[in-house]
C-alpha atoms as a PDB file:
ATOM      1  CA  MET A   1     174.131 -38.956  41.727  1.00  0.00           C
ATOM      2  CA  ARG A   2     171.604 -36.587  43.076  1.00  0.00           C
ATOM      3  CA  TYR A   3     169.349 -37.233  45.997  1.00  0.00           C
ATOM      4  CA  ARG A   4     165.741 -36.093  45.827  1.00  0.00           C
ATOM      5  CA  ASN A   5     165.605 -35.019  49.422  1.00  0.00           C
ATOM      6  CA  PRO A   6     168.975 -33.748  50.690  1.00  0.00           C
ATOM      7  CA  ALA A   7     167.553 -33.070  54.129  1.00  0.00           C
ATOM      8  CA  ALA A   8     166.428 -36.693  54.494  1.00  0.00           C
ATOM      9  CA  PHE A   9     169.841 -37.850  53.353  1.00  0.00           C
ATOM     10  CA  PHE A  10     171.587 -35.664  55.980  1.00  0.00           C
ATOM     11  CA  ALA A  11     169.137 -36.839  58.663  1.00  0.00           C
ATOM     12  CA  THR A  12     169.958 -40.436  57.848  1.00  0.00           C
ATOM     13  CA  LEU A  13     173.671 -39.729  57.997  1.00  0.00           C
ATOM     14  CA  LEU A  14     173.218 -37.911  61.329  1.00  0.00           C
ATOM     15  CA  SER A  15     171.216 -40.799  62.719  1.00  0.00           C
ATOM     16  CA  LEU A  16     173.880 -43.301  61.680  1.00  0.00           C
ATOM     17  CA  ALA A  17     176.573 -41.093  63.202  1.00  0.00           C
ATOM     18  CA  LEU A  18     174.654 -40.825  66.449  1.00  0.00           C
ATOM     19  CA  LEU A  19     173.999 -44.549  66.563  1.00  0.00           C
ATOM     20  CA  SER A  20     177.632 -45.388  65.977  1.00  0.00           C
ATOM     21  CA  GLY A  21     178.585 -42.852  68.628  1.00  0.00           C
ATOM     22  CA  CYS A  22     176.199 -44.481  71.102  1.00  0.00           C
ATOM     23  CA  ALA A  23     177.699 -47.812  70.439  1.00  0.00           C
ATOM     24  CA  THR A  24     181.158 -46.560  71.268  1.00  0.00           C
ATOM     25  CA  THR A  25     180.114 -44.521  74.285  1.00  0.00           C
ATOM     26  CA  ALA A  26     177.839 -47.197  75.722  1.00  0.00           C
ATOM     27  CA  LYS A  27     180.753 -48.798  77.615  1.00  0.00           C
ATOM     28  CA  ILE A  28     180.475 -48.134  81.307  1.00  0.00           C
ATOM     29  CA  GLY A  29     183.627 -47.081  83.105  1.00  0.00           C
ATOM     30  CA  PRO A  30     187.187 -47.299  81.885  1.00  0.00           C
ATOM     31  CA  PRO A  31     188.422 -50.559  80.377  1.00  0.00           C
ATOM     32  CA  ALA A  32     189.847 -52.972  82.937  1.00  0.00           C
ATOM     33  CA  SER A  33     193.574 -53.224  82.916  1.00  0.00           C
ATOM     34  CA  ASN A  34     195.341 -56.580  82.743  1.00  0.00           C
ATOM     35  CA  THR A  35     196.952 -55.848  86.082  1.00  0.00           C
ATOM     36  CA  ALA A  36     193.611 -55.372  87.797  1.00  0.00           C
ATOM     37  CA  VAL A  37     192.236 -58.568  86.253  1.00  0.00           C
ATOM     38  CA  ARG A  38     195.325 -60.504  87.346  1.00  0.00           C
ATOM     39  CA  ALA A  39     195.065 -59.057  90.865  1.00  0.00           C
ATOM     40  CA  ASP A  40     191.431 -60.150  91.115  1.00  0.00           C
ATOM     41  CA  ARG A  41     192.283 -63.634  89.935  1.00  0.00           C
ATOM     42  CA  THR A  42     195.211 -63.855  92.340  1.00  0.00           C
ATOM     43  CA  ALA A  43     193.043 -62.728  95.244  1.00  0.00           C
ATOM     44  CA  ALA A  44     190.362 -65.337  94.353  1.00  0.00           C
ATOM     45  CA  LEU A  45     193.005 -68.074  94.087  1.00  0.00           C
ATOM     46  CA  ALA A  46     194.507 -67.039  97.422  1.00  0.00           C
ATOM     47  CA  LEU A  47     191.121 -67.182  99.097  1.00  0.00           C
ATOM     48  CA  ARG A  48     190.456 -70.613  97.598  1.00  0.00           C
ATOM     49  CA  ALA A  49     193.862 -71.879  98.684  1.00  0.00           C
ATOM     50  CA  ALA A  50     193.318 -70.555 102.231  1.00  0.00           C
ATOM     51  CA  ARG A  51     189.913 -72.220 102.423  1.00  0.00           C
ATOM     52  CA  GLU A  52     191.345 -75.520 101.156  1.00  0.00           C
ATOM     53  CA  ALA A  53     194.210 -75.280 103.650  1.00  0.00           C
ATOM     54  CA  ARG A  54     191.774 -74.752 106.537  1.00  0.00           C
ATOM     55  CA  GLN A  55     189.731 -77.736 105.361  1.00  0.00           C
ATOM     56  CA  LYS A  56     192.853 -79.878 105.107  1.00  0.00           C
ATOM     57  CA  GLU A  57     194.000 -78.872 108.589  1.00  0.00           C
ATOM     58  CA  ALA A  58     190.586 -79.667 109.997  1.00  0.00           C
ATOM     59  CA  ALA A  59     190.650 -83.093 108.288  1.00  0.00           C
ATOM     60  CA  ILE A  60     194.122 -83.803 109.668  1.00  0.00           C
ATOM     61  CA  ARG A  61     193.087 -82.803 113.206  1.00  0.00           C
ATOM     62  CA  ALA A  62     190.065 -85.073 112.924  1.00  0.00           C
ATOM     63  CA  GLN A  63     192.201 -87.942 111.647  1.00  0.00           C
ATOM     64  CA  LYS A  64     194.722 -87.466 114.468  1.00  0.00           C
ATOM     65  CA  ALA A  65     191.960 -87.344 117.070  1.00  0.00           C
ATOM     66  CA  GLN A  66     190.372 -90.536 115.673  1.00  0.00           C
ATOM     67  CA  ALA A  67     193.742 -92.347 115.578  1.00  0.00           C
ATOM     68  CA  ALA A  68     194.616 -91.255 119.120  1.00  0.00           C
ATOM     69  CA  GLN A  69     191.236 -92.398 120.377  1.00  0.00           C
ATOM     70  CA  GLU A  70     191.686 -95.852 118.812  1.00  0.00           C
ATOM     71  CA  PHE A  71     195.406 -96.350 119.495  1.00  0.00           C
ATOM     72  CA  CYS A  72     195.268 -98.248 122.785  1.00  0.00           C
ATOM     73  CA  SER A  73     192.482-100.588 121.707  1.00  0.00           C
ATOM     74  CA  ARG A  74     194.407-101.276 118.462  1.00  0.00           C
ATOM     75  CA  TRP A  75     197.520-102.008 120.528  1.00  0.00           C
ATOM     76  CA  GLN A  76     195.674-104.357 122.909  1.00  0.00           C
ATOM     77  CA  ARG A  77     194.063-106.163 119.980  1.00  0.00           C
ATOM     78  CA  GLY A  78     197.521-106.593 118.376  1.00  0.00           C
ATOM     79  CA  LEU A  79     198.895-108.043 121.599  1.00  0.00           C
ATOM     80  CA  ARG A  80     195.995-110.475 121.910  1.00  0.00           C
ATOM     81  CA  LEU A  81     196.435-111.633 118.309  1.00  0.00           C
ATOM     82  CA  ALA A  82     200.216-111.994 118.798  1.00  0.00           C
ATOM     83  CA  ARG A  83     199.650-114.100 121.902  1.00  0.00           C
ATOM     84  CA  ARG A  84     197.072-116.264 120.108  1.00  0.00           C
ATOM     85  CA  ASN A  85     199.371-116.703 117.103  1.00  0.00           C
ATOM     86  CA  LEU A  86     202.363-117.650 119.266  1.00  0.00           C
ATOM     87  CA  MET A  87     200.293-120.089 121.336  1.00  0.00           C
ATOM     88  CA  GLY A  88     199.005-121.607 118.111  1.00  0.00           C
ATOM     89  CA  CYS A  89     202.530-122.154 116.828  1.00  0.00           C
ATOM     90  CA  ALA A  90     203.648-123.626 120.129  1.00  0.00           C
ATOM     91  CA  GLN A  91     200.904-126.259 119.853  1.00  0.00           C
ATOM     92  CA  MET A  92     201.621-127.159 116.202  1.00  0.00           C
ATOM     93  CA  PRO A  93     203.089-130.500 115.198  1.00  0.00           C
ATOM     94  CA  GLY A  94     206.782-130.278 114.214  1.00  0.00           C
ATOM     95  CA  ARG A  95     206.253-130.631 110.464  1.00  0.00           C
ATOM     96  CA  ASP A  96     203.847-127.657 110.338  1.00  0.00           C
ATOM     97  CA  LEU A  97     205.803-125.479 112.727  1.00  0.00           C
ATOM     98  CA  PRO A  98     207.973-123.671 110.101  1.00  0.00           C
ATOM     99  CA  PHE A  99     204.874-122.630 108.186  1.00  0.00           C
ATOM    100  CA  CYS A 100     203.238-121.358 111.330  1.00  0.00           C
ATOM    101  CA  TRP A 101     206.287-119.288 112.287  1.00  0.00           C
ATOM    102  CA  ASP A 102     206.450-117.880 108.736  1.00  0.00           C
ATOM    103  CA  ALA A 103     202.826-116.805 108.933  1.00  0.00           C
ATOM    104  CA  VAL A 104     203.308-115.206 112.352  1.00  0.00           C
ATOM    105  CA  SER A 105     206.454-113.488 111.131  1.00  0.00           C
ATOM    106  CA  GLN A 106     204.538-112.005 108.158  1.00  0.00           C
ATOM    107  CA  TRP A 107     201.680-110.950 110.426  1.00  0.00           C
ATOM    108  CA  SER A 108     204.144-109.251 112.782  1.00  0.00           C
ATOM    109  CA  ALA A 109     205.726-107.402 109.849  1.00  0.00           C
ATOM    110  CA  ASP A 110     202.303-106.213 108.743  1.00  0.00           C
ATOM    111  CA  GLU A 111     201.437-105.030 112.257  1.00  0.00           C
ATOM    112  CA  GLY A 112     204.765-103.226 112.535  1.00  0.00           C
ATOM    113  CA  MET A 113     204.056-101.425 109.231  1.00  0.00           C
ATOM    114  CA  ALA A 114     200.537-100.560 110.382  1.00  0.00           C
ATOM    115  CA  PHE A 115     201.904 -98.968 113.574  1.00  0.00           C
ATOM    116  CA  THR A 116     204.599 -97.180 111.581  1.00  0.00           C
ATOM    117  CA  ARG A 117     201.892 -95.642 109.374  1.00  0.00           C
ATOM    118  CA  LEU A 118     199.862 -94.830 112.458  1.00  0.00           C
ATOM    119  CA  SER A 119     202.857 -93.043 114.015  1.00  0.00           C
ATOM    120  CA  VAL A 120     202.967 -90.722 111.000  1.00  0.00           C
ATOM    121  CA  VAL A 121     199.341 -89.808 111.613  1.00  0.00           C
ATOM    122  CA  LEU A 122     200.002 -89.369 115.329  1.00  0.00           C
ATOM    123  CA  THR A 123     202.991 -87.040 114.833  1.00  0.00           C
ATOM    124  CA  GLY A 124     202.663 -84.189 117.260  1.00  0.00           C
ATOM    125  CA  THR A 125     200.281 -86.005 119.600  1.00  0.00           C
ATOM    126  CA  SER A 126     200.778 -87.606 122.981  1.00  0.00           C
ATOM    127  CA  PHE A 127     200.585 -91.034 121.281  1.00  0.00           C
ATOM    128  CA  TYR A 128     203.448 -90.516 118.853  1.00  0.00           C
ATOM    129  CA  ALA A 129     206.156 -92.088 121.027  1.00  0.00           C
ATOM    130  CA  ALA A 130     203.927 -95.001 121.963  1.00  0.00           C
ATOM    131  CA  SER A 131     203.053 -95.652 118.326  1.00  0.00           C
ATOM    132  CA  ARG A 132     206.763 -95.741 117.447  1.00  0.00           C
ATOM    133  CA  GLN A 133     207.404 -98.166 120.312  1.00  0.00           C
ATOM    134  CA  ALA A 134     204.501-100.351 119.139  1.00  0.00           C
ATOM    135  CA  ALA A 135     205.977-100.386 115.624  1.00  0.00           C
ATOM    136  CA  THR A 136     209.381-101.369 117.058  1.00  0.00           C
ATOM    137  CA  PHE A 137     207.747-104.072 119.202  1.00  0.00           C
ATOM    138  CA  PHE A 138     206.170-105.736 116.208  1.00  0.00           C
ATOM    139  CA  SER A 139     209.342-105.398 114.162  1.00  0.00           C
ATOM    140  CA  LEU A 140     211.255-107.159 116.906  1.00  0.00           C
ATOM    141  CA  SER A 141     208.473-109.714 117.099  1.00  0.00           C
ATOM    142  CA  GLN A 142     209.010-110.462 113.437  1.00  0.00           C
ATOM    143  CA  SER A 143     212.719-111.109 113.904  1.00  0.00           C
ATOM    144  CA  TRP A 144     211.993-113.095 117.029  1.00  0.00           C
ATOM    145  CA  THR A 145     209.556-115.397 115.203  1.00  0.00           C
ATOM    146  CA  ARG A 146     212.194-115.985 112.561  1.00  0.00           C
ATOM    147  CA  ALA A 147     214.607-117.018 115.287  1.00  0.00           C
ATOM    148  CA  CYS A 148     211.947-119.344 116.718  1.00  0.00           C
ATOM    149  CA  ARG A 149     211.454-120.918 113.309  1.00  0.00           C
ATOM    150  CA  GLU A 150     215.158-121.725 113.142  1.00  0.00           C
ATOM    151  CA  ASP A 151     215.384-123.082 116.672  1.00  0.00           C
ATOM    152  CA  HIS A 152     212.090-123.549 118.498  1.00  0.00           C
ATOM    153  CA  GLY A 153     213.826-124.382 121.732  1.00  0.00           C
ATOM    154  CA  SER A 154     215.605-121.048 121.967  1.00  0.00           C
ATOM    155  CA  CYS A 155     212.500-118.828 121.611  1.00  0.00           C
ATOM    156  CA  ALA A 156     212.328-117.830 125.245  1.00  0.00           C
ATOM    157  CA  ALA A 157     216.079-117.020 125.370  1.00  0.00           C
ATOM    158  CA  ALA A 158     216.173-115.022 122.118  1.00  0.00           C
ATOM    159  CA  PRO A 159     217.809-111.620 122.505  1.00  0.00           C
ATOM    160  CA  GLN A 160     214.675-109.799 121.271  1.00  0.00           C
ATOM    161  CA  VAL A 161     212.526-110.971 124.185  1.00  0.00           C
ATOM    162  CA  ALA A 162     213.845-108.536 126.809  1.00  0.00           C
ATOM    163  CA  ARG A 163     213.520-105.544 124.486  1.00  0.00           C
ATOM    164  CA  MET A 164     210.043-106.619 123.440  1.00  0.00           C
ATOM    165  CA  GLN A 165     208.951-106.945 127.070  1.00  0.00           C
ATOM    166  CA  SER A 166     210.318-103.454 127.787  1.00  0.00           C
ATOM    167  CA  LEU A 167     208.529-101.903 124.801  1.00  0.00           C
ATOM    168  CA  LYS A 168     205.292-103.666 125.733  1.00  0.00           C
ATOM    169  CA  ALA A 169     205.498-102.338 129.269  1.00  0.00           C
ATOM    170  CA  GLN A 170     206.193 -98.789 128.039  1.00  0.00           C
ATOM    171  CA  VAL A 171     203.242 -98.780 125.607  1.00  0.00           C
ATOM    172  CA  ASN A 172     200.936-100.332 128.182  1.00  0.00           C
ATOM    173  CA  ALA A 173     201.995 -97.732 130.753  1.00  0.00           C
ATOM    174  CA  ARG A 174     201.354 -94.906 128.235  1.00  0.00           C
ATOM    175  CA  CYS A 175     197.913 -96.251 127.443  1.00  0.00           C
ATOM    176  CA  GLN A 176     197.144 -96.615 131.156  1.00  0.00           C
ATOM    177  CA  THR A 177     198.283 -93.031 131.852  1.00  0.00           C
ATOM    178  CA  LEU A 178     196.314 -91.578 128.970  1.00  0.00           C
ATOM    179  CA  SER A 179     193.158 -93.559 129.764  1.00  0.00           C
ATOM    180  CA  LEU A 180     193.179 -92.138 133.313  1.00  0.00           C
ATOM    181  CA  ARG A 181     192.829 -88.590 132.045  1.00  0.00           C
END
């Protein structure tokens, strides 16, 4: 096949060659290596992880501060409720007494667990030991109420009473010392 204008044909071929050359040379800079891309991703992930760790630490510090601030009032409220519950059981008629002691026992168990969870939050603070003592106090209170349920007359002489009084005095003293600061 013969072309009528060979110069136009060669000009078209030259244009196509130049255009295809432009397309391949239009890339800016060398191609990124997989190692460089991975390094950039790793750096971005590390920065994100560091930021999240700082946010988590700040949240934990805030939670500890809040728990420490509320510890003594929580303890005092627990003691008031325990006293009210015990006085309520002492005034119950005999037939209802076992149910009352069961309810107080369950309440004491719940309080003990609440102070146990609180002690985890307060780890590393000046309230940690007091929160553990409060948890132990309510745990002993639970076993004491069970003993009272079995034999109402021996409540005051139950073996848990002395230890409970000691723990109560220690937590109260700690709250008093920390509130004076």
